[in-house]
Amino acid sequence: FQFDTMRLRLRELAFLNAGVRITAVDERPAEGPARRTFCYEGGIVSFVKHLNKNKEVLHPEPIYFTAEREEGGARTASVEVAMQYNDGYTESVFTFANNIGTHEGGTHLEGFRLALTRVVNDYAKRAGLLKDKDASLSGEDIREGLTAIVSVKLVEPQFEGQTKTKLGNDEVAAAVDQAMASALGDYLEENPKDAKAIVQKVILAATARH
């Protein structure tokens, strides 16, 4: 288990928990301990900026929102999302459940993708950027050049898959979908310049694919 590997994981945890200070100390070097401290007040917004640091972004600040799901007056899940488009062609969406990397995706990723596709299509048509006769934009095209972190916290997470890195809680898909639909919809309406840049990139991706 390499110190560098552990350091990357600790940095990830610091990104996922805004304001938490985590220090790693490697006492093996003969010249003395190597110390590294991680703390990101911006949380997953800082995470997205870090991932996009050498890329040309379409909007200066990541889109960020958080929401909670309650049942019977008790919180059962919290949803936190940060996302930002760049001018590249790669989709970089990373998902986490209770700070565990869900590399196989799961219900939180499903909810995110469904809402993203629906909201962007609805906005594109409402803003006249996509005509009613035009085919809807595909999820694949909409996610081109997108960097995003989707982090959920659950009281009773259910992990599936061969490596237990796929989230299986059914209610999470609806929680993420509802949060995305509200927050992303508001962002696009309130930031028409950024929204237009995003939609035009998606339309370009769709045109290039076909």
N, C-alpha and C. Protein backbone atom coordinates (compact mmCIF):
# COMPACT_ATOMS: atom_id res chain seq x y z
N PHE A 1 0.87 -1.19 0.00
CA PHE A 1 0.00 0.00 0.00
C PHE A 1 0.89 1.23 0.00
N GLN A 2 1.00 1.90 -1.11
CA GLN A 2 1.92 3.01 -1.28
C GLN A 2 1.39 4.29 -0.62
N PHE A 3 2.32 5.07 -0.09
CA PHE A 3 1.95 6.34 0.53
C PHE A 3 1.26 7.25 -0.48
N ASP A 4 1.74 7.25 -1.73
CA ASP A 4 1.14 8.11 -2.76
C ASP A 4 -0.32 7.74 -3.01
N THR A 5 -0.61 6.43 -2.98
CA THR A 5 -1.98 5.97 -3.18
C THR A 5 -2.85 6.45 -2.03
N MET A 6 -2.35 6.32 -0.82
CA MET A 6 -3.10 6.77 0.35
C MET A 6 -3.32 8.28 0.29
N ARG A 7 -2.30 9.00 -0.15
CA ARG A 7 -2.40 10.46 -0.23
C ARG A 7 -3.49 10.89 -1.20
N LEU A 8 -3.60 10.19 -2.33
CA LEU A 8 -4.65 10.50 -3.29
C LEU A 8 -6.03 10.26 -2.70
N ARG A 9 -6.16 9.19 -1.94
CA ARG A 9 -7.44 8.88 -1.31
C ARG A 9 -7.79 9.92 -0.24
N LEU A 10 -6.80 10.36 0.53
CA LEU A 10 -7.05 11.37 1.55
C LEU A 10 -7.44 12.71 0.92
N ARG A 11 -6.80 13.03 -0.20
CA ARG A 11 -7.18 14.26 -0.91
C ARG A 11 -8.63 14.16 -1.39
N GLU A 12 -9.00 13.01 -1.90
CA GLU A 12 -10.37 12.77 -2.34
C GLU A 12 -11.35 12.96 -1.19
N LEU A 13 -11.04 12.40 -0.03
CA LEU A 13 -11.90 12.54 1.15
C LEU A 13 -12.03 13.99 1.58
N ALA A 14 -10.93 14.75 1.48
CA ALA A 14 -10.97 16.16 1.84
C ALA A 14 -11.87 16.94 0.88
N PHE A 15 -11.82 16.60 -0.41
CA PHE A 15 -12.71 17.23 -1.38
C PHE A 15 -14.18 16.91 -1.06
N LEU A 16 -14.45 15.67 -0.67
CA LEU A 16 -15.82 15.22 -0.44
C LEU A 16 -16.42 15.74 0.85
N ASN A 17 -15.58 16.26 1.75
CA ASN A 17 -16.05 16.75 3.04
C ASN A 17 -15.50 18.16 3.26
N ALA A 18 -16.22 19.13 2.75
CA ALA A 18 -15.75 20.52 2.74
C ALA A 18 -15.30 20.99 4.12
N GLY A 19 -14.11 21.57 4.16
CA GLY A 19 -13.61 22.16 5.39
C GLY A 19 -12.92 21.20 6.35
N VAL A 20 -13.00 19.89 6.08
CA VAL A 20 -12.35 18.91 6.95
C VAL A 20 -10.85 18.88 6.63
N ARG A 21 -10.02 18.95 7.66
CA ARG A 21 -8.57 18.96 7.48
C ARG A 21 -8.02 17.55 7.72
N ILE A 22 -7.33 17.00 6.75
CA ILE A 22 -6.76 15.66 6.84
C ILE A 22 -5.27 15.74 6.60
N THR A 23 -4.48 15.19 7.51
CA THR A 23 -3.03 15.22 7.39
C THR A 23 -2.47 13.81 7.29
N ALA A 24 -1.61 13.61 6.30
CA ALA A 24 -0.92 12.32 6.13
C ALA A 24 0.56 12.53 6.44
N VAL A 25 1.13 11.61 7.23
CA VAL A 25 2.54 11.70 7.59
C VAL A 25 3.22 10.39 7.23
N ASP A 26 4.27 10.47 6.40
CA ASP A 26 5.08 9.30 6.05
C ASP A 26 6.37 9.39 6.85
N GLU A 27 6.53 8.51 7.82
CA GLU A 27 7.69 8.56 8.71
C GLU A 27 8.86 7.71 8.22
N ARG A 28 8.75 7.14 7.03
CA ARG A 28 9.79 6.24 6.52
C ARG A 28 11.05 6.94 6.00
N PRO A 29 10.94 8.12 5.37
CA PRO A 29 12.15 8.73 4.79
C PRO A 29 13.25 8.97 5.82
N ALA A 30 14.49 8.66 5.43
CA ALA A 30 15.63 8.83 6.35
C ALA A 30 15.86 10.29 6.69
N GLU A 31 15.51 11.18 5.75
CA GLU A 31 15.73 12.61 5.99
C GLU A 31 14.67 13.23 6.89
N GLY A 32 13.68 12.42 7.29
CA GLY A 32 12.65 12.92 8.18
C GLY A 32 11.26 12.70 7.62
N PRO A 33 10.23 12.84 8.46
CA PRO A 33 8.85 12.60 8.03
C PRO A 33 8.41 13.51 6.90
N ALA A 34 7.63 12.94 6.00
CA ALA A 34 7.01 13.72 4.91
C ALA A 34 5.56 13.96 5.30
N ARG A 35 5.16 15.20 5.34
CA ARG A 35 3.82 15.55 5.81
C ARG A 35 3.04 16.27 4.70
N ARG A 36 1.77 15.91 4.57
CA ARG A 36 0.91 16.58 3.59
C ARG A 36 -0.47 16.77 4.19
N THR A 37 -0.97 17.99 4.15
CA THR A 37 -2.28 18.30 4.70
C THR A 37 -3.24 18.68 3.57
N PHE A 38 -4.45 18.17 3.65
CA PHE A 38 -5.47 18.46 2.65
C PHE A 38 -6.67 19.10 3.34
N CYS A 39 -7.16 20.19 2.78
CA CYS A 39 -8.37 20.84 3.28
C CYS A 39 -8.92 21.71 2.17
N TYR A 40 -10.17 21.50 1.81
CA TYR A 40 -10.78 22.25 0.71
C TYR A 40 -12.11 22.84 1.18
N GLU A 41 -12.10 24.13 1.45
CA GLU A 41 -13.33 24.80 1.90
C GLU A 41 -14.42 24.70 0.84
N GLY A 42 -14.00 24.63 -0.42
CA GLY A 42 -14.99 24.56 -1.51
C GLY A 42 -15.56 23.18 -1.74
N GLY A 43 -15.06 22.16 -1.05
CA GLY A 43 -15.60 20.81 -1.19
C GLY A 43 -15.57 20.29 -2.61
N ILE A 44 -16.69 19.75 -3.06
CA ILE A 44 -16.71 19.14 -4.39
C ILE A 44 -16.65 20.17 -5.51
N VAL A 45 -16.95 21.44 -5.21
CA VAL A 45 -16.74 22.49 -6.21
C VAL A 45 -15.24 22.61 -6.50
N SER A 46 -14.44 22.56 -5.43
CA SER A 46 -12.98 22.58 -5.60
C SER A 46 -12.51 21.32 -6.33
N PHE A 47 -13.18 20.20 -6.09
CA PHE A 47 -12.86 18.93 -6.75
C PHE A 47 -13.02 19.08 -8.26
N VAL A 48 -14.15 19.63 -8.68
CA VAL A 48 -14.42 19.82 -10.11
C VAL A 48 -13.41 20.80 -10.73
N LYS A 49 -13.12 21.87 -10.01
CA LYS A 49 -12.13 22.84 -10.52
C LYS A 49 -10.76 22.18 -10.66
N HIS A 50 -10.41 21.32 -9.72
CA HIS A 50 -9.14 20.59 -9.78
C HIS A 50 -9.09 19.70 -11.03
N LEU A 51 -10.19 19.00 -11.30
CA LEU A 51 -10.24 18.11 -12.46
C LEU A 51 -10.20 18.87 -13.78
N ASN A 52 -10.70 20.11 -13.75
CA ASN A 52 -10.76 20.92 -14.98
C ASN A 52 -9.64 21.95 -15.07
N LYS A 53 -8.64 21.87 -14.19
CA LYS A 53 -7.67 22.96 -14.05
C LYS A 53 -6.86 23.24 -15.32
N ASN A 54 -6.65 22.26 -16.16
CA ASN A 54 -5.87 22.50 -17.38
C ASN A 54 -6.76 22.52 -18.63
N LYS A 55 -8.06 22.76 -18.40
CA LYS A 55 -9.01 22.73 -19.52
C LYS A 55 -9.69 24.08 -19.69
N GLU A 56 -10.17 24.33 -20.88
CA GLU A 56 -10.92 25.55 -21.17
C GLU A 56 -12.38 25.30 -20.80
N VAL A 57 -12.88 26.01 -19.79
CA VAL A 57 -14.25 25.76 -19.31
C VAL A 57 -15.26 26.68 -20.01
N LEU A 58 -16.50 26.21 -20.10
CA LEU A 58 -17.54 26.97 -20.79
C LEU A 58 -18.22 27.98 -19.87
N HIS A 59 -18.15 27.77 -18.57
CA HIS A 59 -18.71 28.72 -17.60
C HIS A 59 -17.74 28.78 -16.42
N PRO A 60 -17.47 29.98 -15.91
CA PRO A 60 -16.37 30.16 -14.95
C PRO A 60 -16.49 29.38 -13.65
N GLU A 61 -17.68 29.24 -13.12
CA GLU A 61 -17.87 28.54 -11.86
C GLU A 61 -18.69 27.26 -12.06
N PRO A 62 -18.33 26.18 -11.37
CA PRO A 62 -19.14 24.96 -11.46
C PRO A 62 -20.57 25.21 -10.97
N ILE A 63 -21.51 24.50 -11.55
CA ILE A 63 -22.90 24.50 -11.08
C ILE A 63 -22.92 23.62 -9.83
N TYR A 64 -23.46 24.13 -8.74
CA TYR A 64 -23.45 23.37 -7.48
C TYR A 64 -24.81 23.41 -6.81
N PHE A 65 -25.21 22.29 -6.26
CA PHE A 65 -26.43 22.28 -5.44
C PHE A 65 -26.39 21.10 -4.47
N THR A 66 -27.19 21.23 -3.45
CA THR A 66 -27.34 20.16 -2.47
C THR A 66 -28.81 20.05 -2.10
N ALA A 67 -29.25 18.86 -1.77
CA ALA A 67 -30.66 18.64 -1.41
C ALA A 67 -30.75 17.47 -0.43
N GLU A 68 -31.86 17.42 0.29
CA GLU A 68 -32.07 16.33 1.24
C GLU A 68 -33.39 15.64 0.98
N ARG A 69 -33.41 14.35 1.25
CA ARG A 69 -34.63 13.57 1.11
C ARG A 69 -35.07 13.12 2.49
N GLU A 70 -36.33 13.33 2.79
CA GLU A 70 -36.86 12.95 4.10
C GLU A 70 -38.05 12.02 3.96
N GLU A 71 -38.18 11.15 4.94
CA GLU A 71 -39.33 10.26 5.02
C GLU A 71 -39.77 10.20 6.48
N GLY A 72 -41.04 10.53 6.72
CA GLY A 72 -41.54 10.50 8.08
C GLY A 72 -40.85 11.50 8.99
N GLY A 73 -40.38 12.62 8.39
CA GLY A 73 -39.72 13.65 9.19
C GLY A 73 -38.26 13.39 9.47
N ALA A 74 -37.75 12.26 8.99
CA ALA A 74 -36.33 11.92 9.23
C ALA A 74 -35.57 11.96 7.91
N ARG A 75 -34.35 12.47 7.96
CA ARG A 75 -33.53 12.53 6.74
C ARG A 75 -33.02 11.14 6.39
N THR A 76 -33.27 10.72 5.18
CA THR A 76 -32.82 9.40 4.74
C THR A 76 -31.66 9.49 3.76
N ALA A 77 -31.51 10.65 3.11
CA ALA A 77 -30.43 10.79 2.13
C ALA A 77 -30.15 12.26 1.88
N SER A 78 -28.90 12.56 1.56
CA SER A 78 -28.54 13.90 1.11
C SER A 78 -27.82 13.77 -0.22
N VAL A 79 -28.05 14.74 -1.08
CA VAL A 79 -27.50 14.73 -2.43
C VAL A 79 -26.65 15.99 -2.61
N GLU A 80 -25.47 15.83 -3.16
CA GLU A 80 -24.59 16.97 -3.43
C GLU A 80 -23.98 16.78 -4.81
N VAL A 81 -24.11 17.80 -5.65
CA VAL A 81 -23.63 17.70 -7.03
C VAL A 81 -22.88 18.98 -7.41
N ALA A 82 -21.74 18.81 -8.07
CA ALA A 82 -21.01 19.93 -8.68
C ALA A 82 -20.67 19.51 -10.09
N MET A 83 -20.87 20.40 -11.07
CA MET A 83 -20.64 20.05 -12.46
C MET A 83 -20.21 21.27 -13.26
N GLN A 84 -19.36 21.03 -14.24
CA GLN A 84 -18.85 22.11 -15.08
C GLN A 84 -18.45 21.55 -16.44
N TYR A 85 -18.84 22.26 -17.47
CA TYR A 85 -18.49 21.84 -18.83
C TYR A 85 -17.16 22.45 -19.26
N ASN A 86 -16.40 21.67 -20.03
CA ASN A 86 -15.19 22.18 -20.67
C ASN A 86 -15.32 21.93 -22.18
N ASP A 87 -14.36 22.44 -22.94
CA ASP A 87 -14.46 22.34 -24.40
C ASP A 87 -13.93 21.02 -24.96
N GLY A 88 -13.66 20.07 -24.08
CA GLY A 88 -13.15 18.78 -24.52
C GLY A 88 -14.27 17.83 -24.94
N TYR A 89 -13.89 16.57 -25.13
CA TYR A 89 -14.85 15.57 -25.63
C TYR A 89 -15.09 14.43 -24.64
N THR A 90 -14.41 14.50 -23.50
CA THR A 90 -14.48 13.40 -22.54
C THR A 90 -15.52 13.65 -21.46
N GLU A 91 -16.26 12.62 -21.13
CA GLU A 91 -17.18 12.67 -20.00
C GLU A 91 -16.43 12.21 -18.75
N SER A 92 -16.41 13.06 -17.71
CA SER A 92 -15.72 12.72 -16.48
C SER A 92 -16.69 12.90 -15.31
N VAL A 93 -17.52 11.90 -15.08
CA VAL A 93 -18.51 11.95 -14.00
C VAL A 93 -18.12 10.91 -12.95
N PHE A 94 -17.87 11.37 -11.74
CA PHE A 94 -17.45 10.49 -10.66
C PHE A 94 -18.51 10.48 -9.57
N THR A 95 -18.87 9.29 -9.11
CA THR A 95 -19.94 9.16 -8.13
C THR A 95 -19.43 8.55 -6.83
N PHE A 96 -20.06 8.98 -5.73
CA PHE A 96 -19.67 8.51 -4.40
C PHE A 96 -20.92 8.30 -3.56
N ALA A 97 -20.86 7.32 -2.67
CA ALA A 97 -21.92 7.08 -1.70
C ALA A 97 -21.25 6.90 -0.34
N ASN A 98 -21.59 7.78 0.59
CA ASN A 98 -20.96 7.76 1.93
C ASN A 98 -19.43 7.79 1.82
N ASN A 99 -18.95 8.63 0.91
CA ASN A 99 -17.51 8.84 0.67
C ASN A 99 -16.82 7.67 -0.02
N ILE A 100 -17.56 6.65 -0.39
CA ILE A 100 -16.99 5.48 -1.08
C ILE A 100 -17.16 5.69 -2.59
N GLY A 101 -16.08 5.53 -3.33
CA GLY A 101 -16.15 5.68 -4.77
C GLY A 101 -16.95 4.55 -5.39
N THR A 102 -18.04 4.90 -6.08
CA THR A 102 -18.90 3.88 -6.71
C THR A 102 -18.53 3.81 -8.19
N HIS A 103 -17.44 3.09 -8.45
CA HIS A 103 -16.87 3.06 -9.80
C HIS A 103 -17.78 2.37 -10.81
N GLU A 104 -18.70 1.53 -10.32
CA GLU A 104 -19.65 0.86 -11.22
C GLU A 104 -20.96 1.65 -11.35
N GLY A 105 -20.99 2.84 -10.75
CA GLY A 105 -22.19 3.67 -10.86
C GLY A 105 -23.28 3.24 -9.91
N GLY A 106 -24.51 3.21 -10.41
CA GLY A 106 -25.64 2.82 -9.57
C GLY A 106 -26.80 3.79 -9.72
N THR A 107 -27.69 3.75 -8.75
CA THR A 107 -28.95 4.51 -8.86
C THR A 107 -28.74 6.02 -8.82
N HIS A 108 -27.71 6.50 -8.11
CA HIS A 108 -27.45 7.94 -8.09
C HIS A 108 -26.98 8.44 -9.45
N LEU A 109 -26.20 7.62 -10.15
CA LEU A 109 -25.75 7.98 -11.50
C LEU A 109 -26.93 7.95 -12.48
N GLU A 110 -27.81 6.96 -12.31
CA GLU A 110 -28.99 6.87 -13.17
C GLU A 110 -29.86 8.12 -13.04
N GLY A 111 -30.11 8.53 -11.79
CA GLY A 111 -30.92 9.72 -11.55
C GLY A 111 -30.29 10.97 -12.13
N PHE A 112 -28.98 11.08 -11.99
CA PHE A 112 -28.24 12.23 -12.52
C PHE A 112 -28.36 12.29 -14.04
N ARG A 113 -28.11 11.17 -14.69
CA ARG A 113 -28.13 11.15 -16.16
C ARG A 113 -29.53 11.41 -16.72
N LEU A 114 -30.54 10.80 -16.11
CA LEU A 114 -31.92 11.00 -16.59
C LEU A 114 -32.33 12.46 -16.49
N ALA A 115 -32.06 13.07 -15.34
CA ALA A 115 -32.46 14.46 -15.15
C ALA A 115 -31.67 15.40 -16.06
N LEU A 116 -30.38 15.15 -16.19
CA LEU A 116 -29.54 15.99 -17.05
C LEU A 116 -30.06 16.00 -18.48
N THR A 117 -30.34 14.82 -19.01
CA THR A 117 -30.82 14.70 -20.39
C THR A 117 -32.16 15.41 -20.56
N ARG A 118 -33.07 15.19 -19.64
CA ARG A 118 -34.41 15.78 -19.73
C ARG A 118 -34.36 17.31 -19.60
N VAL A 119 -33.62 17.81 -18.60
CA VAL A 119 -33.58 19.25 -18.33
C VAL A 119 -32.92 20.02 -19.48
N VAL A 120 -31.81 19.50 -20.00
CA VAL A 120 -31.12 20.20 -21.10
C VAL A 120 -31.99 20.21 -22.35
N ASN A 121 -32.64 19.11 -22.65
CA ASN A 121 -33.54 19.07 -23.82
C ASN A 121 -34.70 20.05 -23.66
N ASP A 122 -35.30 20.06 -22.46
CA ASP A 122 -36.44 20.96 -22.21
C ASP A 122 -36.01 22.41 -22.36
N TYR A 123 -34.85 22.75 -21.82
CA TYR A 123 -34.38 24.13 -21.90
C TYR A 123 -34.06 24.51 -23.35
N ALA A 124 -33.38 23.60 -24.06
CA ALA A 124 -32.98 23.88 -25.45
C ALA A 124 -34.20 24.19 -26.32
N LYS A 125 -35.28 23.46 -26.09
CA LYS A 125 -36.50 23.69 -26.88
C LYS A 125 -37.22 24.96 -26.43
N ARG A 126 -37.26 25.19 -25.13
CA ARG A 126 -37.93 26.38 -24.60
C ARG A 126 -37.21 27.67 -25.03
N ALA A 127 -35.87 27.58 -25.13
CA ALA A 127 -35.08 28.76 -25.50
C ALA A 127 -34.96 28.93 -27.01
N GLY A 128 -35.53 28.00 -27.77
CA GLY A 128 -35.48 28.10 -29.22
C GLY A 128 -34.17 27.67 -29.83
N LEU A 129 -33.31 27.05 -29.02
CA LEU A 129 -32.02 26.56 -29.53
C LEU A 129 -32.18 25.22 -30.23
N LEU A 130 -33.28 24.57 -29.93
CA LEU A 130 -33.61 23.28 -30.56
C LEU A 130 -35.06 23.37 -31.01
N LYS A 131 -35.31 23.14 -32.28
CA LYS A 131 -36.68 23.25 -32.81
C LYS A 131 -37.50 22.01 -32.43
N ASP A 132 -38.81 22.21 -32.39
CA ASP A 132 -39.70 21.11 -32.02
C ASP A 132 -39.57 19.92 -32.97
N LYS A 133 -39.26 20.23 -34.24
CA LYS A 133 -39.14 19.16 -35.24
C LYS A 133 -37.81 18.41 -35.11
N ASP A 134 -36.85 19.02 -34.42
CA ASP A 134 -35.54 18.39 -34.27
C ASP A 134 -35.60 17.21 -33.31
N ALA A 135 -34.74 16.24 -33.55
CA ALA A 135 -34.66 15.10 -32.65
C ALA A 135 -34.08 15.56 -31.30
N SER A 136 -34.48 14.91 -30.24
CA SER A 136 -33.97 15.25 -28.91
C SER A 136 -32.48 14.95 -28.84
N LEU A 137 -31.79 15.72 -28.04
CA LEU A 137 -30.35 15.51 -27.84
C LEU A 137 -30.15 14.28 -26.98
N SER A 138 -29.17 13.46 -27.34
CA SER A 138 -28.95 12.22 -26.58
C SER A 138 -28.16 12.50 -25.31
N GLY A 139 -28.31 11.61 -24.34
CA GLY A 139 -27.56 11.75 -23.09
C GLY A 139 -26.07 11.73 -23.32
N GLU A 140 -25.63 10.92 -24.27
CA GLU A 140 -24.21 10.81 -24.59
C GLU A 140 -23.65 12.15 -25.09
N ASP A 141 -24.41 12.80 -25.96
CA ASP A 141 -23.99 14.10 -26.47
C ASP A 141 -23.99 15.16 -25.37
N ILE A 142 -25.00 15.12 -24.52
CA ILE A 142 -25.13 16.10 -23.44
C ILE A 142 -24.00 15.97 -22.43
N ARG A 143 -23.46 14.77 -22.26
CA ARG A 143 -22.40 14.57 -21.27
C ARG A 143 -21.00 14.78 -21.84
N GLU A 144 -20.90 15.06 -23.14
CA GLU A 144 -19.58 15.29 -23.73
C GLU A 144 -18.97 16.57 -23.16
N GLY A 145 -17.75 16.46 -22.65
CA GLY A 145 -17.08 17.62 -22.07
C GLY A 145 -17.55 17.99 -20.67
N LEU A 146 -18.33 17.10 -20.04
CA LEU A 146 -18.85 17.38 -18.70
C LEU A 146 -17.96 16.75 -17.63
N THR A 147 -17.61 17.56 -16.64
CA THR A 147 -16.92 17.06 -15.45
C THR A 147 -17.89 17.23 -14.28
N ALA A 148 -18.13 16.17 -13.54
CA ALA A 148 -19.10 16.26 -12.45
C ALA A 148 -18.76 15.32 -11.30
N ILE A 149 -19.14 15.75 -10.11
CA ILE A 149 -19.06 14.92 -8.91
C ILE A 149 -20.47 14.77 -8.37
N VAL A 150 -20.91 13.54 -8.18
CA VAL A 150 -22.22 13.25 -7.59
C VAL A 150 -21.96 12.49 -6.29
N SER A 151 -22.26 13.13 -5.17
CA SER A 151 -21.98 12.52 -3.87
C SER A 151 -23.28 12.43 -3.07
N VAL A 152 -23.59 11.23 -2.62
CA VAL A 152 -24.79 11.04 -1.79
C VAL A 152 -24.39 10.45 -0.44
N LYS A 153 -25.14 10.82 0.58
CA LYS A 153 -24.94 10.27 1.92
C LYS A 153 -26.25 9.59 2.32
N LEU A 154 -26.15 8.34 2.73
CA LEU A 154 -27.34 7.54 3.02
C LEU A 154 -27.27 6.93 4.42
N VAL A 155 -28.43 6.76 5.02
CA VAL A 155 -28.48 6.09 6.32
C VAL A 155 -28.21 4.60 6.15
N GLU A 156 -28.80 4.00 5.11
CA GLU A 156 -28.63 2.57 4.88
C GLU A 156 -28.25 2.31 3.42
N PRO A 157 -26.99 2.51 3.06
CA PRO A 157 -26.57 2.27 1.67
C PRO A 157 -26.57 0.79 1.33
N GLN A 158 -26.93 0.48 0.11
CA GLN A 158 -26.91 -0.90 -0.38
C GLN A 158 -25.95 -0.96 -1.56
N PHE A 159 -24.85 -1.67 -1.37
CA PHE A 159 -23.84 -1.77 -2.42
C PHE A 159 -23.95 -3.12 -3.13
N GLU A 160 -23.80 -3.04 -4.46
CA GLU A 160 -23.93 -4.23 -5.29
C GLU A 160 -22.71 -4.36 -6.19
N GLY A 161 -22.75 -5.31 -7.10
CA GLY A 161 -21.67 -5.51 -8.05
C GLY A 161 -20.58 -6.41 -7.48
N GLN A 162 -19.69 -6.86 -8.36
CA GLN A 162 -18.63 -7.77 -7.95
C GLN A 162 -17.72 -7.17 -6.90
N THR A 163 -17.46 -5.88 -7.02
CA THR A 163 -16.53 -5.24 -6.07
C THR A 163 -17.26 -4.37 -5.05
N LYS A 164 -18.58 -4.49 -5.00
CA LYS A 164 -19.39 -3.70 -4.05
C LYS A 164 -19.20 -2.20 -4.25
N THR A 165 -19.06 -1.79 -5.50
CA THR A 165 -18.88 -0.37 -5.79
C THR A 165 -20.00 0.15 -6.70
N LYS A 166 -21.19 -0.47 -6.59
CA LYS A 166 -22.36 -0.01 -7.32
C LYS A 166 -23.48 0.20 -6.32
N LEU A 167 -24.07 1.41 -6.33
CA LEU A 167 -25.13 1.73 -5.37
C LEU A 167 -26.46 1.19 -5.86
N GLY A 168 -27.18 0.52 -4.95
CA GLY A 168 -28.42 -0.13 -5.35
C GLY A 168 -29.69 0.44 -4.74
N ASN A 169 -29.60 1.49 -3.93
CA ASN A 169 -30.80 2.05 -3.29
C ASN A 169 -31.72 2.69 -4.33
N ASP A 170 -32.92 2.11 -4.50
CA ASP A 170 -33.85 2.60 -5.52
C ASP A 170 -34.28 4.04 -5.30
N GLU A 171 -34.50 4.42 -4.03
CA GLU A 171 -35.01 5.76 -3.74
C GLU A 171 -34.02 6.87 -4.10
N VAL A 172 -32.75 6.52 -4.25
CA VAL A 172 -31.73 7.53 -4.54
C VAL A 172 -31.88 8.07 -5.96
N ALA A 173 -32.29 7.24 -6.89
CA ALA A 173 -32.47 7.70 -8.27
C ALA A 173 -33.46 8.86 -8.32
N ALA A 174 -34.58 8.71 -7.63
CA ALA A 174 -35.59 9.77 -7.61
C ALA A 174 -35.10 11.00 -6.87
N ALA A 175 -34.34 10.80 -5.79
CA ALA A 175 -33.82 11.93 -5.01
C ALA A 175 -32.87 12.78 -5.84
N VAL A 176 -31.96 12.13 -6.56
CA VAL A 176 -31.00 12.85 -7.39
C VAL A 176 -31.71 13.50 -8.58
N ASP A 177 -32.62 12.76 -9.19
CA ASP A 177 -33.38 13.26 -10.34
C ASP A 177 -34.13 14.54 -9.96
N GLN A 178 -34.86 14.51 -8.85
CA GLN A 178 -35.65 15.67 -8.43
C GLN A 178 -34.76 16.87 -8.11
N ALA A 179 -33.65 16.62 -7.42
CA ALA A 179 -32.73 17.69 -7.07
C ALA A 179 -32.12 18.31 -8.32
N MET A 180 -31.70 17.45 -9.24
CA MET A 180 -31.11 17.92 -10.50
C MET A 180 -32.11 18.73 -11.31
N ALA A 181 -33.32 18.23 -11.44
CA ALA A 181 -34.34 18.88 -12.26
C ALA A 181 -34.60 20.29 -11.77
N SER A 182 -34.69 20.47 -10.46
CA SER A 182 -34.97 21.77 -9.88
C SER A 182 -33.76 22.71 -10.00
N ALA A 183 -32.62 22.26 -9.52
CA ALA A 183 -31.44 23.12 -9.45
C ALA A 183 -30.86 23.45 -10.82
N LEU A 184 -30.72 22.44 -11.68
CA LEU A 184 -30.15 22.68 -13.00
C LEU A 184 -31.10 23.50 -13.86
N GLY A 185 -32.39 23.21 -13.73
CA GLY A 185 -33.39 23.98 -14.47
C GLY A 185 -33.31 25.46 -14.12
N ASP A 186 -33.20 25.76 -12.81
CA ASP A 186 -33.10 27.14 -12.35
C ASP A 186 -31.81 27.79 -12.86
N TYR A 187 -30.71 27.04 -12.81
CA TYR A 187 -29.42 27.58 -13.25
C TYR A 187 -29.48 27.99 -14.72
N LEU A 188 -30.00 27.13 -15.57
CA LEU A 188 -30.06 27.43 -17.00
C LEU A 188 -30.93 28.65 -17.28
N GLU A 189 -32.05 28.77 -16.56
CA GLU A 189 -32.95 29.91 -16.76
C GLU A 189 -32.29 31.21 -16.29
N GLU A 190 -31.54 31.12 -15.19
CA GLU A 190 -30.96 32.33 -14.58
C GLU A 190 -29.63 32.74 -15.21
N ASN A 191 -29.02 31.83 -15.98
CA ASN A 191 -27.72 32.11 -16.61
C ASN A 191 -27.80 31.79 -18.10
N PRO A 192 -28.56 32.59 -18.85
CA PRO A 192 -28.79 32.29 -20.28
C PRO A 192 -27.53 32.24 -21.12
N LYS A 193 -26.54 33.07 -20.80
CA LYS A 193 -25.30 33.06 -21.57
C LYS A 193 -24.57 31.73 -21.41
N ASP A 194 -24.43 31.27 -20.18
CA ASP A 194 -23.79 29.98 -19.92
C ASP A 194 -24.62 28.84 -20.50
N ALA A 195 -25.94 28.93 -20.32
CA ALA A 195 -26.84 27.90 -20.83
C ALA A 195 -26.71 27.75 -22.34
N LYS A 196 -26.63 28.90 -23.03
CA LYS A 196 -26.51 28.87 -24.50
C LYS A 196 -25.20 28.22 -24.92
N ALA A 197 -24.11 28.54 -24.20
CA ALA A 197 -22.80 27.96 -24.53
C ALA A 197 -22.83 26.44 -24.36
N ILE A 198 -23.49 25.99 -23.28
CA ILE A 198 -23.58 24.55 -23.01
C ILE A 198 -24.40 23.85 -24.10
N VAL A 199 -25.57 24.40 -24.40
CA VAL A 199 -26.46 23.77 -25.38
C VAL A 199 -25.82 23.78 -26.77
N GLN A 200 -25.15 24.86 -27.14
CA GLN A 200 -24.50 24.92 -28.45
C GLN A 200 -23.41 23.87 -28.57
N LYS A 201 -22.69 23.63 -27.48
CA LYS A 201 -21.65 22.58 -27.50
C LYS A 201 -22.29 21.21 -27.68
N VAL A 202 -23.41 20.99 -26.99
CA VAL A 202 -24.10 19.71 -27.10
C VAL A 202 -24.62 19.49 -28.52
N ILE A 203 -25.20 20.54 -29.11
CA ILE A 203 -25.71 20.44 -30.48
C ILE A 203 -24.57 20.16 -31.46
N LEU A 204 -23.41 20.77 -31.22
CA LEU A 204 -22.23 20.53 -32.05
C LEU A 204 -21.80 19.08 -31.94
N ALA A 205 -21.83 18.55 -30.70
CA ALA A 205 -21.46 17.14 -30.49
C ALA A 205 -22.43 16.22 -31.22
N ALA A 206 -23.72 16.55 -31.16
CA ALA A 206 -24.73 15.74 -31.84
C ALA A 206 -24.54 15.78 -33.35
N THR A 207 -24.23 16.96 -33.88
CA THR A 207 -24.04 17.13 -35.32
C THR A 207 -22.81 16.33 -35.78
N ALA A 208 -21.74 16.41 -34.99
CA ALA A 208 -20.50 15.69 -35.35
C ALA A 208 -20.70 14.19 -35.31
N ARG A 209 -21.55 13.73 -34.38
CA ARG A 209 -21.78 12.28 -34.25
C ARG A 209 -22.61 11.75 -35.42
N HIS A 210 -23.47 12.60 -35.96
CA HIS A 210 -24.35 12.14 -37.04
C HIS A 210 -23.96 12.73 -38.38
